[in-house]
């Protein structure tokens, strides 16, 4: 009879430990001891939507005292302020050197944050879905990160990688890559300019930017990683420049307002589900002379009745290629991909001996009549 009781007691104890992982509380914050003289700020209840439920402002001190010992506060632990939906501002003490992943996830009321020059380590996804965040500043003198040119973002100085942006970020010309999850879940972001210095767009960098209506991918970009623009449900058209060689899986998944896509001539592969649920597409233009490798899932739930415009000399290759041959393959009049970026903003094609013009997903004849 004692075994079931002891087992129940053990389960209850483990459950309590997993929910209440902090070792002590000081003022409004909870802490774990990490060494003889250091502590980290931690969560009140793991996975709970009521973590720091009533906290509206917070100050992380440089030191705290517990049981007669004074500790330096050196880190903000992973998920420490997760779901703190009432938190509007936070001051981070100069003793903090690291900020864990997802530390401020879903702090939907947080409007600004200053990263002190003592911080030398910031893990991924730190401001995920912080919808109200409009100001991010790294203090001058930080040896690892910066906010150059008042960009309202965190840039890893050595690699010129923008690791965390916000609703009002302006990307400096010196940035060479957009980091993973950098703008994840910013549902109020409507537009953003990527400078010509950017060469890569990281995993889920703009995922969930549902108000983003347009974005120009510069000719410097060579790769678009997994899920980079998934759930960007307001995007209406996208042009993949000639510099890009691969489009990652889920890259434009559920971009439900996309009516046209243009794929540059250097793309050799398109990942699984890259354009899944882009059900509003009315045309695809692909300038790659050799059909890029892809699967049927790459265009899952995309209407197969829409025209696929390809270089005239590549029509037969596309008609013989798996997945591509499911579309209505038609010849482009010109293989010059730069035509799509011209002032006319149109693409010419040859259909049944007639020259037609594609502009913004609509088809016109040479007299300007929409067909």
Protein backbone atom coordinates (compact mmCIF):
# COMPACT_ATOMS: atom_id res chain seq x y z
CA UNK A 1 0.00 0.00 0.00
CA UNK A 2 2.95 2.32 0.57
CA UNK A 3 4.33 2.05 -3.00
CA UNK A 4 1.42 3.84 -4.74
CA UNK A 5 1.55 6.55 -2.09
CA UNK A 6 5.31 7.04 -2.50
CA UNK A 7 4.98 7.05 -6.29
CA UNK A 8 2.24 9.68 -6.12
CA UNK A 9 4.37 11.75 -3.77
CA UNK A 10 7.36 11.52 -6.14
CA UNK A 11 5.25 12.56 -9.15
CA UNK A 12 3.84 15.51 -7.23
CA UNK A 13 7.34 16.56 -6.15
CA UNK A 14 8.74 16.34 -9.70
CA UNK A 15 5.77 18.29 -11.04
CA UNK A 16 6.32 21.00 -8.48
CA UNK A 17 10.02 21.18 -9.31
CA UNK A 18 9.34 21.46 -13.04
CA UNK A 19 6.81 24.25 -12.58
CA UNK A 20 8.63 26.21 -9.88
CA UNK A 21 12.24 26.08 -10.99
CA UNK A 22 13.42 29.15 -9.08
CA UNK A 23 15.46 28.90 -5.88
CA UNK A 24 14.48 32.19 -4.30
CA UNK A 25 12.56 35.41 -4.83
CA UNK A 26 13.84 38.92 -4.29
CA UNK A 27 11.52 41.84 -4.81
CA UNK A 28 9.46 41.10 -7.96
CA UNK A 29 11.91 38.69 -9.58
CA UNK A 30 12.84 35.02 -9.25
CA UNK A 31 16.38 33.67 -9.28
CA UNK A 32 18.48 30.52 -9.62
CA UNK A 33 21.94 30.28 -8.08
CA UNK A 34 24.54 29.55 -10.79
CA UNK A 35 27.76 29.70 -8.76
CA UNK A 36 29.08 30.70 -5.34
CA UNK A 37 28.54 34.37 -6.17
CA UNK A 38 26.28 34.56 -9.26
CA UNK A 39 22.60 34.10 -10.06
CA UNK A 40 20.33 34.26 -13.09
CA UNK A 41 16.83 35.70 -13.40
CA UNK A 42 14.39 32.92 -14.12
CA UNK A 43 10.68 32.33 -14.65
CA UNK A 44 8.02 32.02 -12.02
CA UNK A 45 6.27 29.07 -13.66
CA UNK A 46 7.59 27.26 -16.71
CA UNK A 47 5.19 27.18 -19.71
CA UNK A 48 2.62 29.18 -17.75
CA UNK A 49 0.69 32.00 -19.39
CA UNK A 50 0.62 33.62 -15.95
CA UNK A 51 4.39 34.04 -15.66
CA UNK A 52 4.97 37.36 -13.87
CA UNK A 53 1.29 38.05 -14.59
CA UNK A 54 1.04 41.43 -12.86
CA UNK A 55 4.52 42.71 -13.71
CA UNK A 56 4.36 45.96 -15.73
CA UNK A 57 7.89 47.30 -15.18
CA UNK A 58 11.02 45.56 -13.98
CA UNK A 59 14.55 46.44 -12.95
CA UNK A 60 17.21 43.75 -12.93
CA UNK A 61 19.66 44.78 -10.21
CA UNK A 62 23.40 44.23 -10.32
CA UNK A 63 23.32 42.30 -7.01
CA UNK A 64 20.81 40.50 -4.79
CA UNK A 65 21.20 39.10 -1.26
CA UNK A 66 19.82 35.73 -0.17
CA UNK A 67 20.44 33.91 3.14
CA UNK A 68 23.19 36.36 4.01
CA UNK A 69 25.08 35.94 0.70
CA UNK A 70 25.28 38.69 -1.91
CA UNK A 71 25.20 37.48 -5.52
CA UNK A 72 25.93 39.21 -8.83
CA UNK A 73 23.07 38.96 -11.32
CA UNK A 74 24.92 37.84 -14.45
CA UNK A 75 22.25 36.37 -16.73
CA UNK A 76 18.63 36.43 -17.82
CA UNK A 77 17.72 32.78 -18.21
CA UNK A 78 15.92 31.21 -21.15
CA UNK A 79 12.18 31.94 -21.21
CA UNK A 80 12.63 34.08 -18.09
CA UNK A 81 9.94 36.63 -19.00
CA UNK A 82 7.95 34.46 -21.38
CA UNK A 83 4.26 35.43 -21.63
CA UNK A 84 4.76 38.62 -19.59
CA UNK A 85 2.01 40.31 -21.55
CA UNK A 86 1.75 43.31 -19.17
CA UNK A 87 5.46 44.14 -19.14
CA UNK A 88 5.98 47.53 -20.81
CA UNK A 89 9.59 48.35 -19.84
CA UNK A 90 12.60 46.70 -18.27
CA UNK A 91 15.97 48.00 -17.07
CA UNK A 92 18.88 45.57 -17.24
CA UNK A 93 21.72 45.99 -14.77
CA UNK A 94 25.34 46.32 -15.92
CA UNK A 95 26.32 43.02 -14.29
CA UNK A 96 24.28 40.99 -16.82
CA UNK A 97 26.48 39.29 -19.42
CA UNK A 98 24.06 36.86 -21.11
CA UNK A 99 20.43 36.70 -22.23
CA UNK A 100 18.95 33.25 -22.86
CA UNK A 101 16.81 32.15 -25.80
CA UNK A 102 13.16 33.19 -25.83
CA UNK A 103 13.87 35.37 -22.79
CA UNK A 104 11.18 37.91 -23.74
CA UNK A 105 8.94 35.76 -25.93
CA UNK A 106 5.36 37.05 -26.16
CA UNK A 107 6.03 40.19 -24.13
CA UNK A 108 3.38 41.81 -26.28
CA UNK A 109 3.31 45.15 -24.40
CA UNK A 110 7.09 45.71 -24.29
CA UNK A 111 7.83 48.89 -26.26
CA UNK A 112 11.56 49.46 -25.78
CA UNK A 113 14.68 47.84 -24.40
CA UNK A 114 18.30 48.86 -23.88
CA UNK A 115 21.02 46.19 -23.91
CA UNK A 116 23.90 47.25 -21.62
CA UNK A 117 27.49 47.10 -22.83
CA UNK A 118 28.17 44.26 -20.38
CA UNK A 119 26.07 41.77 -22.41
CA UNK A 120 28.27 39.53 -24.56
CA UNK A 121 25.91 36.63 -25.28
CA UNK A 122 22.36 36.76 -26.66
CA UNK A 123 20.66 33.50 -27.62
CA UNK A 124 18.10 33.07 -30.41
CA UNK A 125 14.50 34.27 -30.69
CA UNK A 126 14.92 36.65 -27.78
CA UNK A 127 12.07 39.03 -28.77
CA UNK A 128 9.82 36.57 -30.57
CA UNK A 129 6.30 37.99 -31.01
CA UNK A 130 7.01 41.22 -29.11
CA UNK A 131 4.41 43.00 -31.23
CA UNK A 132 4.76 46.45 -29.62
CA UNK A 133 8.54 46.69 -29.61
CA UNK A 134 9.66 49.80 -31.51
CA UNK A 135 13.02 50.62 -29.92
CA UNK A 136 16.06 48.39 -29.40
CA UNK A 137 19.32 50.03 -28.35
CA UNK A 138 22.69 48.45 -27.61
CA UNK A 139 24.76 50.74 -25.41
CA UNK A 140 27.93 52.09 -26.99
CA UNK A 141 31.05 50.31 -25.83
CA UNK A 142 29.60 46.81 -26.19
CA UNK A 143 32.36 44.65 -27.70
CA UNK A 144 30.05 42.03 -29.26
CA UNK A 145 26.85 43.79 -30.36
CA UNK A 146 25.84 47.19 -31.68
CA UNK A 147 22.88 49.24 -32.90
CA UNK A 148 24.75 51.17 -35.56
CA UNK A 149 23.15 54.12 -37.34
CA UNK A 150 20.23 54.17 -34.86
CA UNK A 151 18.84 51.09 -36.57
CA UNK A 152 16.58 49.89 -33.70
CA UNK A 153 18.05 46.41 -33.88
CA UNK A 154 20.78 44.21 -32.44
CA UNK A 155 23.67 43.51 -34.80
CA UNK A 156 26.43 41.02 -34.11
CA UNK A 157 29.40 43.26 -34.79
CA UNK A 158 31.97 40.69 -35.96
CA UNK A 159 29.67 39.02 -38.52
CA UNK A 160 27.47 42.01 -39.46
CA UNK A 161 24.44 39.81 -38.79
CA UNK A 162 21.20 41.43 -37.66
CA UNK A 163 20.03 39.03 -34.97
CA UNK A 164 16.98 40.88 -33.60
CA UNK A 165 14.87 43.62 -35.14
CA UNK A 166 11.57 45.27 -34.35
CA UNK A 167 8.65 47.09 -35.97
CA UNK A 168 10.70 50.24 -36.69
CA UNK A 169 14.06 48.75 -37.72
CA UNK A 170 16.06 50.34 -40.53
CA UNK A 171 18.67 47.90 -41.80
CA UNK A 172 22.07 49.56 -42.29
CA UNK A 173 23.99 49.04 -45.54
CA UNK A 174 26.76 47.23 -43.67
CA UNK A 175 24.54 44.30 -42.62
CA UNK A 176 25.38 41.15 -44.60
CA UNK A 177 22.83 38.69 -43.23
CA UNK A 178 19.43 38.65 -41.56
CA UNK A 179 19.64 36.15 -38.72
CA UNK A 180 17.26 33.31 -37.89
CA UNK A 181 13.96 34.55 -36.41
CA UNK A 182 15.18 38.17 -36.55
CA UNK A 183 11.70 39.60 -37.28
CA UNK A 184 9.62 36.57 -36.34
CA UNK A 185 5.98 37.33 -35.57
CA UNK A 186 6.05 41.11 -36.07
CA UNK A 187 2.49 41.25 -37.33
CA UNK A 188 2.44 45.06 -37.62
CA UNK A 189 5.50 45.30 -39.86
CA UNK A 190 4.23 46.59 -43.22
CA UNK A 191 7.42 47.28 -45.17
CA UNK A 192 11.16 46.91 -44.90
CA UNK A 193 14.10 47.64 -47.19
CA UNK A 194 16.86 45.08 -47.51
CA UNK A 195 20.12 46.79 -48.54
CA UNK A 196 22.35 45.41 -51.28
CA UNK A 197 24.87 44.30 -48.67
CA UNK A 198 22.59 41.45 -47.51
CA UNK A 199 23.64 38.05 -48.87
CA UNK A 200 21.47 35.67 -46.85
CA UNK A 201 18.04 35.62 -45.22
CA UNK A 202 17.95 33.29 -42.25
CA UNK A 203 15.53 30.63 -41.10
CA UNK A 204 12.07 32.04 -40.36
CA UNK A 205 13.55 35.55 -40.44
CA UNK A 206 10.22 37.15 -41.43
CA UNK A 207 7.83 34.34 -40.53
CA UNK A 208 4.45 35.61 -39.37
CA UNK A 209 4.93 39.18 -40.64
CA UNK A 210 1.31 39.08 -41.74
CA UNK A 211 1.03 42.81 -42.57
CA UNK A 212 4.10 42.86 -44.83
CA UNK A 213 2.74 43.82 -48.25
CA UNK A 214 5.95 43.98 -50.25
CA UNK A 215 9.65 43.34 -49.92
CA UNK A 216 12.43 43.59 -52.48
CA UNK A 217 15.07 40.90 -52.27
CA UNK A 218 18.31 42.48 -53.51
CA UNK A 219 20.58 40.92 -56.12
CA UNK A 220 23.21 40.32 -53.44
CA UNK A 221 21.15 37.58 -51.74
CA UNK A 222 22.31 34.05 -52.55
CA UNK A 223 20.12 31.97 -50.24
CA UNK A 224 16.64 32.11 -48.73
CA UNK A 225 16.48 29.75 -45.80
CA UNK A 226 13.75 27.55 -44.37
CA UNK A 227 10.49 29.37 -43.62
CA UNK A 228 11.99 32.81 -44.28
CA UNK A 229 8.67 34.37 -45.35
CA UNK A 230 6.11 31.80 -44.24
CA UNK A 231 2.72 33.19 -43.11
CA UNK A 232 3.38 36.57 -44.78
CA UNK A 233 -0.25 36.58 -45.78
CA UNK A 234 -0.30 40.12 -47.22
CA UNK A 235 2.50 39.68 -49.77
CA UNK A 236 1.03 39.95 -53.28
CA UNK A 237 4.09 39.32 -55.45
CA UNK A 238 7.68 38.26 -55.05
CA UNK A 239 10.72 38.29 -57.30
CA UNK A 240 13.61 35.96 -56.57
CA UNK A 241 16.70 37.64 -58.06
CA UNK A 242 19.26 35.95 -60.30
CA UNK A 243 21.77 35.80 -57.43
CA UNK A 244 19.71 33.27 -55.46
CA UNK A 245 20.65 29.63 -56.02
CA UNK A 246 18.30 27.90 -53.56
CA UNK A 247 14.90 28.51 -52.02
CA UNK A 248 14.51 26.73 -48.70
CA UNK A 249 11.62 24.55 -47.58
CA UNK A 250 8.55 26.42 -46.30
CA UNK A 251 10.13 29.67 -47.58
CA UNK A 252 6.79 31.18 -48.70
CA UNK A 253 4.40 28.71 -47.11
CA UNK A 254 0.88 30.09 -46.69
CA UNK A 255 1.57 33.41 -48.41
CA UNK A 256 -2.10 33.32 -49.28
CA UNK A 257 -2.24 36.67 -51.12
CA UNK A 258 0.59 35.96 -53.56
CA UNK A 259 -0.70 36.29 -57.12
CA UNK A 260 2.61 36.01 -58.97
CA UNK A 261 6.13 34.81 -58.36
CA UNK A 262 9.21 35.32 -60.49
CA UNK A 263 12.15 32.96 -60.05
CA UNK A 264 15.60 34.05 -61.24
CA UNK A 265 17.83 32.16 -63.63
CA UNK A 266 20.30 30.80 -61.04
CA UNK A 267 17.87 28.90 -58.83
CA UNK A 268 18.71 25.20 -58.92
CA UNK A 269 16.57 23.88 -56.05
CA UNK A 270 13.26 24.63 -54.36
CA UNK A 271 12.61 23.02 -50.99
CA UNK A 272 9.67 21.02 -49.71
CA UNK A 273 6.50 23.09 -49.17
CA UNK A 274 8.31 26.26 -50.31
CA UNK A 275 5.11 27.66 -51.87
CA UNK A 276 2.51 25.47 -50.15
CA UNK A 277 -0.92 27.08 -49.73
CA UNK A 278 -0.08 29.96 -52.09
CA UNK A 279 -3.53 29.31 -53.47
CA UNK A 280 -4.07 32.78 -54.99
CA UNK A 281 -1.25 32.41 -57.51
CA UNK A 282 -2.32 33.21 -61.06
CA UNK A 283 1.09 32.74 -62.72
CA UNK A 284 4.64 31.55 -62.14
CA UNK A 285 7.59 32.86 -64.13
CA UNK A 286 10.83 30.90 -63.92
CA UNK A 287 13.93 32.04 -65.82
CA UNK A 288 16.10 29.07 -64.84
CA UNK A 289 17.18 27.38 -68.12
CA UNK A 290 17.25 24.01 -66.35
CA UNK A 291 14.15 23.19 -64.27
CA UNK A 292 15.10 23.55 -60.57
CA UNK A 293 14.80 20.39 -58.54
CA UNK A 294 11.63 20.34 -56.44
CA UNK A 295 8.83 18.05 -55.41
CA UNK A 296 5.08 18.12 -55.83
CA UNK A 297 4.93 19.35 -52.22
CA UNK A 298 6.95 22.44 -53.17
CA UNK A 299 3.78 23.82 -54.78
CA UNK A 300 1.20 21.94 -52.75
CA UNK A 301 -2.31 23.44 -53.06
CA UNK A 302 -1.16 25.79 -55.83
CA UNK A 303 -3.62 25.58 -58.77
CA UNK A 304 -2.09 23.47 -61.53
CA UNK A 305 -4.16 25.22 -64.18
CA UNK A 306 -2.16 28.46 -63.95
CA UNK A 307 0.47 29.29 -66.60
CA UNK A 308 4.14 28.61 -65.96
CA UNK A 309 6.26 30.94 -68.10
CA UNK A 310 9.77 29.67 -68.89
CA UNK A 311 12.52 30.48 -71.42
CA UNK A 312 11.44 29.51 -74.92
CA UNK A 313 14.35 27.11 -75.34
CA UNK A 314 13.46 25.35 -72.05
CA UNK A 315 9.76 24.64 -72.66
CA UNK A 316 10.32 20.96 -73.49
CA UNK A 317 12.58 20.48 -70.47
CA UNK A 318 9.89 21.83 -68.13
CA UNK A 319 7.20 19.81 -69.86
CA UNK A 320 9.25 16.69 -69.12
CA UNK A 321 10.25 17.61 -65.55
CA UNK A 322 8.36 16.23 -62.56
CA UNK A 323 6.09 18.77 -60.83
CA UNK A 324 6.78 21.46 -63.43
CA UNK A 325 4.95 19.42 -66.08
CA UNK A 326 1.78 19.63 -63.98
CA UNK A 327 1.45 23.32 -64.88
CA UNK A 328 0.49 24.97 -68.18
CA UNK A 329 4.04 25.49 -69.48
CA UNK A 330 4.35 28.45 -71.86
CA UNK A 331 7.24 30.23 -73.54
CA UNK A 332 8.65 33.59 -72.53
CA UNK A 333 9.60 35.84 -75.42
CA UNK A 334 12.78 36.97 -73.66
CA UNK A 335 15.14 35.13 -71.32
CA UNK A 336 16.37 38.41 -69.87
CA UNK A 337 15.18 38.24 -66.25
CA UNK A 338 15.93 41.91 -65.74
CA UNK A 339 12.83 42.77 -67.74
CA UNK A 340 10.71 42.04 -64.66
CA UNK A 341 12.52 44.76 -62.74
CA UNK A 342 12.30 47.34 -65.52
CA UNK A 343 10.28 50.52 -65.41
CA UNK A 344 7.54 48.78 -67.33
CA UNK A 345 7.31 46.16 -64.60
CA UNK A 346 6.17 43.62 -67.19
CA UNK A 347 7.19 40.34 -68.81
CA UNK A 348 6.67 39.52 -72.47
CA UNK A 349 5.79 36.04 -73.62
CA UNK A 350 4.84 34.23 -76.78
CA UNK A 351 1.60 32.25 -76.75
CA UNK A 352 0.14 30.63 -79.89
CA UNK A 353 2.14 33.05 -82.05
CA UNK A 354 0.82 36.11 -80.19
CA UNK A 355 2.99 38.43 -78.08
CA UNK A 356 1.43 38.96 -74.64
CA UNK A 357 2.46 41.05 -71.64
CA UNK A 358 2.28 39.92 -67.99
CA UNK A 359 2.04 42.72 -65.45
CA UNK A 360 1.16 42.25 -61.75
CA UNK A 361 -0.26 38.82 -62.45
CA UNK A 362 -2.58 40.07 -65.24
CA UNK A 363 -2.27 39.24 -68.95
CA UNK A 364 -2.58 41.89 -71.68
CA UNK A 365 -2.24 41.90 -75.47
CA UNK A 366 0.01 44.34 -77.31
CA UNK A 367 -2.83 46.89 -77.55
CA UNK A 368 -3.14 47.01 -73.74
CA UNK A 369 -6.38 45.02 -73.57
CA UNK A 370 -6.59 42.76 -70.51
CA UNK A 371 -7.28 39.16 -71.41
